[in-house]
């Protein structure tokens, strides 16, 4: 007797497949297999999901926020003063 997949599980599976296609899973797999830094990063994320009980969504949010923090901190600070460009 075959295991029957219910509608919810089928929908989750299709959603996962769509996300994997949108992230170009094959290219990421090649990168994972050939780039030591990317390999280590993926393994660290995987451990966080499993051991620290983060959801994949929480990890994506944290990675996005960390990226934004780095981008914003790298921008030069702008200072404005009163007067013309000579400071008068």
N, C-alpha and C. Protein backbone atom coordinates (compact mmCIF):
# COMPACT_ATOMS: atom_id res chain seq x y z
N UNK A 1 0.84 -1.19 0.00
CA UNK A 1 0.00 0.00 0.00
C UNK A 1 0.88 1.25 0.00
N UNK A 2 0.61 2.15 -0.91
CA UNK A 2 1.39 3.38 -1.00
C UNK A 2 0.95 4.36 0.07
N UNK A 3 1.94 5.17 0.51
CA UNK A 3 1.61 6.25 1.43
C UNK A 3 0.87 7.33 0.66
N UNK A 4 -0.19 7.79 1.24
CA UNK A 4 -0.99 8.82 0.58
C UNK A 4 -0.57 10.19 1.12
N UNK A 5 -0.34 11.13 0.22
CA UNK A 5 0.03 12.49 0.61
C UNK A 5 -1.24 13.31 0.71
N UNK A 6 -1.42 13.95 1.85
CA UNK A 6 -2.61 14.79 1.99
C UNK A 6 -2.40 16.13 1.28
N UNK A 7 -3.45 16.88 1.11
CA UNK A 7 -3.39 18.14 0.36
C UNK A 7 -2.43 19.14 0.98
N UNK A 8 -2.40 19.22 2.32
CA UNK A 8 -1.50 20.17 2.98
C UNK A 8 -0.04 19.83 2.70
N UNK A 9 0.31 18.55 2.82
CA UNK A 9 1.68 18.13 2.56
C UNK A 9 2.07 18.36 1.11
N UNK A 10 1.14 18.09 0.20
CA UNK A 10 1.41 18.32 -1.21
C UNK A 10 1.64 19.80 -1.49
N UNK A 11 0.84 20.65 -0.88
CA UNK A 11 1.00 22.09 -1.07
C UNK A 11 2.34 22.56 -0.50
N UNK A 12 2.73 22.04 0.66
CA UNK A 12 4.03 22.40 1.25
C UNK A 12 5.17 21.96 0.36
N UNK A 13 5.06 20.75 -0.18
CA UNK A 13 6.09 20.23 -1.07
C UNK A 13 6.21 21.07 -2.34
N UNK A 14 5.09 21.44 -2.93
CA UNK A 14 5.11 22.26 -4.14
C UNK A 14 5.67 23.65 -3.84
N UNK A 15 5.34 24.19 -2.69
CA UNK A 15 5.88 25.49 -2.30
C UNK A 15 7.40 25.42 -2.14
N UNK A 16 7.88 24.37 -1.50
CA UNK A 16 9.32 24.19 -1.33
C UNK A 16 10.01 24.03 -2.68
N UNK A 17 9.42 23.26 -3.57
CA UNK A 17 10.01 23.09 -4.90
C UNK A 17 10.07 24.41 -5.65
N UNK A 18 9.04 25.22 -5.55
CA UNK A 18 9.03 26.52 -6.21
C UNK A 18 10.11 27.43 -5.65
N UNK A 19 10.27 27.44 -4.32
CA UNK A 19 11.32 28.27 -3.71
C UNK A 19 12.69 27.79 -4.12
N UNK A 20 12.89 26.49 -4.18
CA UNK A 20 14.19 25.96 -4.57
C UNK A 20 14.52 26.34 -6.00
N UNK A 21 13.52 26.32 -6.89
CA UNK A 21 13.75 26.75 -8.27
C UNK A 21 14.11 28.23 -8.33
N UNK A 22 13.42 29.03 -7.52
CA UNK A 22 13.67 30.47 -7.57
C UNK A 22 15.04 30.83 -7.03
N UNK A 23 15.57 30.02 -6.14
CA UNK A 23 16.92 30.27 -5.61
C UNK A 23 18.00 29.61 -6.45
N UNK A 24 17.63 28.94 -7.53
CA UNK A 24 18.55 28.24 -8.41
C UNK A 24 19.39 27.25 -7.60
N UNK A 25 18.71 26.26 -7.12
CA UNK A 25 19.28 25.24 -6.24
C UNK A 25 20.52 24.60 -6.85
N UNK A 26 20.50 24.33 -8.13
CA UNK A 26 21.64 23.64 -8.75
C UNK A 26 22.91 24.48 -8.67
N UNK A 27 22.79 25.79 -8.92
CA UNK A 27 23.97 26.66 -8.83
C UNK A 27 24.49 26.74 -7.39
N UNK A 28 23.56 26.79 -6.44
CA UNK A 28 24.00 26.83 -5.04
C UNK A 28 24.67 25.52 -4.64
N UNK A 29 24.19 24.40 -5.17
CA UNK A 29 24.81 23.11 -4.87
C UNK A 29 26.24 23.06 -5.39
N UNK A 30 26.46 23.58 -6.59
CA UNK A 30 27.81 23.63 -7.16
C UNK A 30 28.70 24.53 -6.32
N UNK A 31 28.18 25.68 -5.92
CA UNK A 31 28.93 26.59 -5.07
C UNK A 31 29.27 25.92 -3.74
N UNK A 32 28.31 25.24 -3.16
CA UNK A 32 28.50 24.53 -1.88
C UNK A 32 29.60 23.48 -2.00
N UNK A 33 29.64 22.80 -3.12
CA UNK A 33 30.62 21.74 -3.32
C UNK A 33 32.02 22.26 -3.66
N UNK A 34 32.12 23.51 -4.13
CA UNK A 34 33.40 24.00 -4.64
C UNK A 34 33.97 25.21 -3.91
N UNK A 35 33.23 25.82 -3.02
CA UNK A 35 33.68 27.03 -2.31
C UNK A 35 33.69 26.73 -0.82
N UNK A 36 34.89 26.67 -0.25
CA UNK A 36 35.03 26.28 1.16
C UNK A 36 34.32 27.26 2.11
N UNK A 37 34.37 28.55 1.80
CA UNK A 37 33.72 29.53 2.68
C UNK A 37 32.20 29.38 2.63
N UNK A 38 31.65 29.20 1.44
CA UNK A 38 30.21 29.01 1.29
C UNK A 38 29.78 27.71 1.96
N UNK A 39 30.59 26.67 1.80
CA UNK A 39 30.34 25.38 2.44
C UNK A 39 30.25 25.54 3.96
N UNK A 40 31.21 26.25 4.54
CA UNK A 40 31.22 26.47 5.99
C UNK A 40 30.01 27.29 6.43
N UNK A 41 29.67 28.31 5.67
CA UNK A 41 28.53 29.16 6.00
C UNK A 41 27.23 28.36 5.99
N UNK A 42 27.03 27.56 4.94
CA UNK A 42 25.82 26.73 4.85
C UNK A 42 25.76 25.74 6.01
N UNK A 43 26.89 25.14 6.34
CA UNK A 43 26.91 24.19 7.45
C UNK A 43 26.61 24.88 8.78
N UNK A 44 27.11 26.10 8.97
CA UNK A 44 26.79 26.84 10.19
C UNK A 44 25.31 27.17 10.26
N UNK A 45 24.75 27.61 9.14
CA UNK A 45 23.31 27.90 9.12
C UNK A 45 22.49 26.64 9.40
N UNK A 46 22.90 25.53 8.82
CA UNK A 46 22.20 24.26 9.04
C UNK A 46 22.24 23.88 10.52
N UNK A 47 23.39 24.05 11.14
CA UNK A 47 23.52 23.74 12.57
C UNK A 47 22.64 24.66 13.41
N UNK A 48 22.56 25.94 13.02
CA UNK A 48 21.71 26.88 13.76
C UNK A 48 20.25 26.46 13.68
N UNK A 49 19.83 26.05 12.50
CA UNK A 49 18.44 25.62 12.33
C UNK A 49 18.16 24.41 13.21
N UNK A 50 19.07 23.44 13.19
CA UNK A 50 18.85 22.18 13.91
C UNK A 50 19.08 22.31 15.41
N UNK A 51 20.21 22.88 15.81
CA UNK A 51 20.60 22.88 17.21
C UNK A 51 19.99 24.03 18.01
N UNK A 52 19.87 25.19 17.40
CA UNK A 52 19.36 26.35 18.12
C UNK A 52 17.87 26.54 17.90
N UNK A 53 17.28 25.66 17.13
CA UNK A 53 15.84 25.63 16.91
C UNK A 53 15.32 26.91 16.24
N UNK A 54 16.11 27.44 15.30
CA UNK A 54 15.62 28.54 14.47
C UNK A 54 14.82 27.95 13.33
N UNK A 55 13.84 28.68 12.86
CA UNK A 55 13.15 28.26 11.65
C UNK A 55 13.94 28.81 10.46
N UNK A 56 13.79 28.21 9.29
CA UNK A 56 14.46 28.78 8.11
C UNK A 56 14.08 30.24 7.87
N UNK A 57 12.82 30.60 8.14
CA UNK A 57 12.40 32.00 7.96
C UNK A 57 13.13 32.92 8.92
N UNK A 58 13.29 32.50 10.16
CA UNK A 58 14.01 33.33 11.14
C UNK A 58 15.46 33.51 10.72
N UNK A 59 16.06 32.46 10.21
CA UNK A 59 17.44 32.55 9.76
C UNK A 59 17.58 33.48 8.56
N UNK A 60 16.63 33.41 7.61
CA UNK A 60 16.63 34.34 6.47
C UNK A 60 16.51 35.77 6.93
N UNK A 61 15.59 36.01 7.89
CA UNK A 61 15.41 37.37 8.41
C UNK A 61 16.69 37.86 9.09
N UNK A 62 17.32 37.01 9.87
CA UNK A 62 18.55 37.40 10.57
C UNK A 62 19.67 37.67 9.57
N UNK A 63 19.79 36.84 8.54
CA UNK A 63 20.83 37.05 7.53
C UNK A 63 20.59 38.35 6.76
N UNK A 64 19.35 38.62 6.43
CA UNK A 64 19.01 39.87 5.73
C UNK A 64 19.33 41.07 6.60
N UNK A 65 18.94 41.01 7.88
CA UNK A 65 19.19 42.12 8.79
C UNK A 65 20.69 42.34 8.99
N UNK A 66 21.45 41.25 9.14
CA UNK A 66 22.90 41.37 9.29
C UNK A 66 23.52 42.02 8.06
N UNK A 67 23.04 41.63 6.88
CA UNK A 67 23.54 42.23 5.63
C UNK A 67 23.23 43.72 5.57
N UNK A 68 22.03 44.08 5.97
CA UNK A 68 21.66 45.50 5.98
C UNK A 68 22.52 46.28 6.97
N UNK A 69 22.78 45.72 8.14
CA UNK A 69 23.62 46.40 9.13
C UNK A 69 25.01 46.67 8.57
N UNK A 70 25.57 45.70 7.85
CA UNK A 70 26.90 45.88 7.27
C UNK A 70 26.85 46.94 6.18
N UNK A 71 25.84 46.87 5.33
CA UNK A 71 25.73 47.86 4.25
C UNK A 71 25.58 49.27 4.79
N UNK A 72 24.74 49.45 5.80
CA UNK A 72 24.52 50.78 6.35
C UNK A 72 25.74 51.29 7.12
N UNK A 73 26.45 50.41 7.79
CA UNK A 73 27.62 50.84 8.55
C UNK A 73 28.79 51.20 7.63
N UNK A 74 28.79 50.69 6.40
CA UNK A 74 29.88 50.96 5.47
C UNK A 74 29.70 52.28 4.73
N UNK A 75 28.53 52.88 4.83
CA UNK A 75 28.30 54.13 4.12
C UNK A 75 28.96 55.28 4.87
N UNK A 76 29.56 56.21 4.12
CA UNK A 76 30.20 57.34 4.78
C UNK A 76 29.18 58.22 5.50
N UNK A 77 29.61 58.76 6.62
CA UNK A 77 28.73 59.66 7.39
C UNK A 77 28.71 61.03 6.71
N UNK A 78 27.55 61.64 6.68
CA UNK A 78 27.42 62.97 6.10
C UNK A 78 27.12 63.96 7.23
N UNK A 79 27.83 65.04 7.19
CA UNK A 79 27.62 66.08 8.20
C UNK A 79 27.16 67.35 7.51
N UNK A 80 26.18 67.99 8.08
CA UNK A 80 25.65 69.23 7.51
C UNK A 80 25.92 70.36 8.49
N UNK A 81 26.32 71.49 7.94
CA UNK A 81 26.53 72.67 8.76
C UNK A 81 25.70 73.81 8.20
N UNK A 82 25.47 74.79 9.03
CA UNK A 82 24.74 75.98 8.55
C UNK A 82 25.67 76.82 7.71
N UNK A 83 25.11 77.60 6.83
CA UNK A 83 25.92 78.51 6.03
C UNK A 83 26.20 77.94 4.67
N UNK A 84 27.12 78.60 3.97
CA UNK A 84 27.44 78.16 2.62
C UNK A 84 28.49 77.05 2.67
N UNK A 85 28.96 76.64 1.51
CA UNK A 85 29.87 75.51 1.49
C UNK A 85 31.24 75.81 2.09
N UNK A 86 31.52 77.10 2.34
CA UNK A 86 32.76 77.47 3.01
C UNK A 86 32.61 77.49 4.53
N UNK A 87 31.42 77.18 5.01
CA UNK A 87 31.18 77.16 6.45
C UNK A 87 30.80 78.52 7.03
N UNK A 88 30.62 79.55 6.21
CA UNK A 88 30.27 80.89 6.70
C UNK A 88 28.79 81.06 6.83
